[in-house]
Protein backbone atom coordinates (compact mmCIF):
# COMPACT_ATOMS: atom_id res chain seq x y z
CA MET A 1 15.56 44.01 83.48
CA THR A 2 19.04 44.38 83.28
CA GLU A 3 20.89 46.52 80.58
CA ARG A 4 24.25 45.79 79.58
CA LEU A 5 26.23 49.04 79.02
CA GLY A 6 28.87 48.77 76.26
CA ALA A 7 27.61 45.56 74.47
CA VAL A 8 27.58 45.74 71.36
CA SER A 9 25.29 43.39 68.86
CA CYS A 10 25.56 43.16 65.28
CA LEU A 11 23.51 40.97 63.06
CA LEU A 12 24.74 40.47 59.43
CA MET A 13 22.35 39.21 56.99
CA ALA A 14 23.32 37.51 53.60
CA GLY A 15 20.93 37.96 50.62
CA PHE A 16 20.55 35.42 47.86
CA LEU A 17 18.81 35.26 44.66
CA GLU A 18 16.84 32.37 43.02
CA ALA A 19 16.70 33.13 39.10
CA THR A 20 16.39 31.84 35.58
CA LEU A 21 20.32 31.93 33.95
CA LEU A 22 20.64 32.73 30.18
CA LEU A 23 23.94 32.53 29.04
CA TYR A 24 24.27 34.05 25.85
CA PRO A 25 26.31 32.18 22.93
CA ALA A 26 29.62 32.71 21.92
CA ASP A 27 28.82 34.05 18.75
CA ALA A 28 26.31 36.41 20.29
CA GLY A 29 29.48 38.05 22.89
CA GLY A 30 28.59 35.43 25.26
CA ARG A 31 31.67 33.26 27.55
CA GLN A 32 33.20 30.57 25.47
CA THR A 33 33.14 27.89 28.54
CA PRO A 34 30.42 26.66 30.48
CA ILE A 35 29.69 27.67 34.60
CA ALA A 36 29.60 25.38 37.04
CA PRO A 37 27.17 26.80 39.23
CA ARG A 38 27.46 24.34 42.21
CA GLU A 39 30.79 24.79 42.63
CA GLY A 40 30.55 28.09 44.46
CA THR A 41 33.59 29.73 41.88
CA TYR A 42 32.02 31.60 39.24
CA ARG A 43 31.31 35.28 40.23
CA ALA A 44 30.01 38.13 37.97
CA TRP A 45 29.03 41.86 38.26
CA ALA A 46 25.19 41.81 38.01
CA GLY A 47 22.65 44.72 38.31
CA GLY A 48 24.95 46.88 40.25
CA GLY A 49 26.49 44.68 42.25
CA MET A 50 28.74 41.30 42.70
CA VAL A 51 27.06 37.81 42.75
CA ARG A 52 28.47 34.19 43.37
CA PHE A 53 26.56 31.17 41.96
CA ILE A 54 25.90 28.52 44.58
CA GLU A 55 23.00 26.44 43.22
CA GLY A 56 22.04 25.02 39.84
CA PRO A 57 23.07 22.20 37.48
CA PRO A 58 26.39 20.61 37.71
CA ALA A 59 27.00 22.94 34.78
CA VAL A 60 25.37 25.48 32.13
CA ALA A 61 26.81 25.81 28.63
CA PRO A 62 26.56 28.98 26.74
CA GLY A 63 23.36 29.13 24.51
CA SER A 64 21.60 27.55 27.55
CA GLU A 65 19.20 28.34 30.40
CA ALA A 66 18.91 26.89 33.88
CA ARG A 67 17.44 27.70 37.26
CA VAL A 68 20.33 29.16 39.49
CA VAL A 69 20.83 30.53 42.96
CA VAL A 70 23.18 33.48 43.41
CA GLU A 71 24.35 34.84 46.60
CA ILE A 72 24.75 38.45 46.96
CA GLU A 73 28.23 39.70 47.63
CA LEU A 74 28.34 43.40 46.85
CA PRO A 75 24.64 45.38 47.26
CA LEU A 76 22.37 45.07 43.87
CA ASP A 77 20.52 48.20 43.22
CA PRO A 78 16.69 47.60 44.72
CA PRO A 79 14.89 47.56 41.31
CA ASN A 80 17.02 44.00 40.62
CA LEU A 81 15.50 42.32 43.95
CA ILE A 82 11.77 42.08 42.82
CA PRO A 83 10.56 38.99 40.95
CA GLY A 84 10.97 39.27 36.80
CA ALA A 85 13.62 42.00 36.96
CA GLU A 86 16.11 41.05 34.50
CA ILE A 87 19.93 41.77 35.29
CA GLU A 88 22.45 41.59 33.06
CA LEU A 89 25.27 39.30 33.66
CA VAL A 90 28.67 41.18 33.24
CA GLU A 91 32.04 39.97 32.58
CA ASP A 92 35.21 42.12 31.33
CA GLU A 93 33.02 44.67 30.72
CA ARG A 94 30.69 42.39 28.19
CA ASN A 95 27.07 41.44 28.63
CA VAL A 96 27.27 37.21 28.75
CA GLY A 97 23.73 36.52 30.12
CA LEU A 98 20.69 37.58 31.64
CA LEU A 99 19.21 36.61 35.22
CA VAL A 100 15.61 36.66 35.52
CA VAL A 101 14.72 36.88 39.00
CA THR A 102 12.07 34.75 40.57
CA ARG A 103 12.96 34.78 44.41
CA PHE A 104 15.03 37.11 46.72
CA TRP A 105 15.14 36.46 50.34
CA ARG A 106 18.04 37.53 53.03
CA VAL A 107 19.01 35.23 56.47
CA ALA A 108 20.78 36.25 59.03
CA VAL A 109 24.31 34.73 59.63
């Protein structure tokens, strides 16, 4: 067996959550406008970290719910990664929705 000295290997992991999203109605302090999960441009604070929505219906309006997939961009607190966990979605220091986790997984990138 040959060893390579000085070689560095790095394995990066990306984390994802599948969840049910409930966006609070605007009159309850929620967003004024819908989000478009499939576009991959909507980001929010959730569970102590940052998430980016990457899959779901074309649009989710305030007061609606949908199944979505989010990419974890900044680590979430570990208790938020288990199925059934409820994670508040925060924009500009106000709760605008709730994610209920159905599945968590990681992939090597």
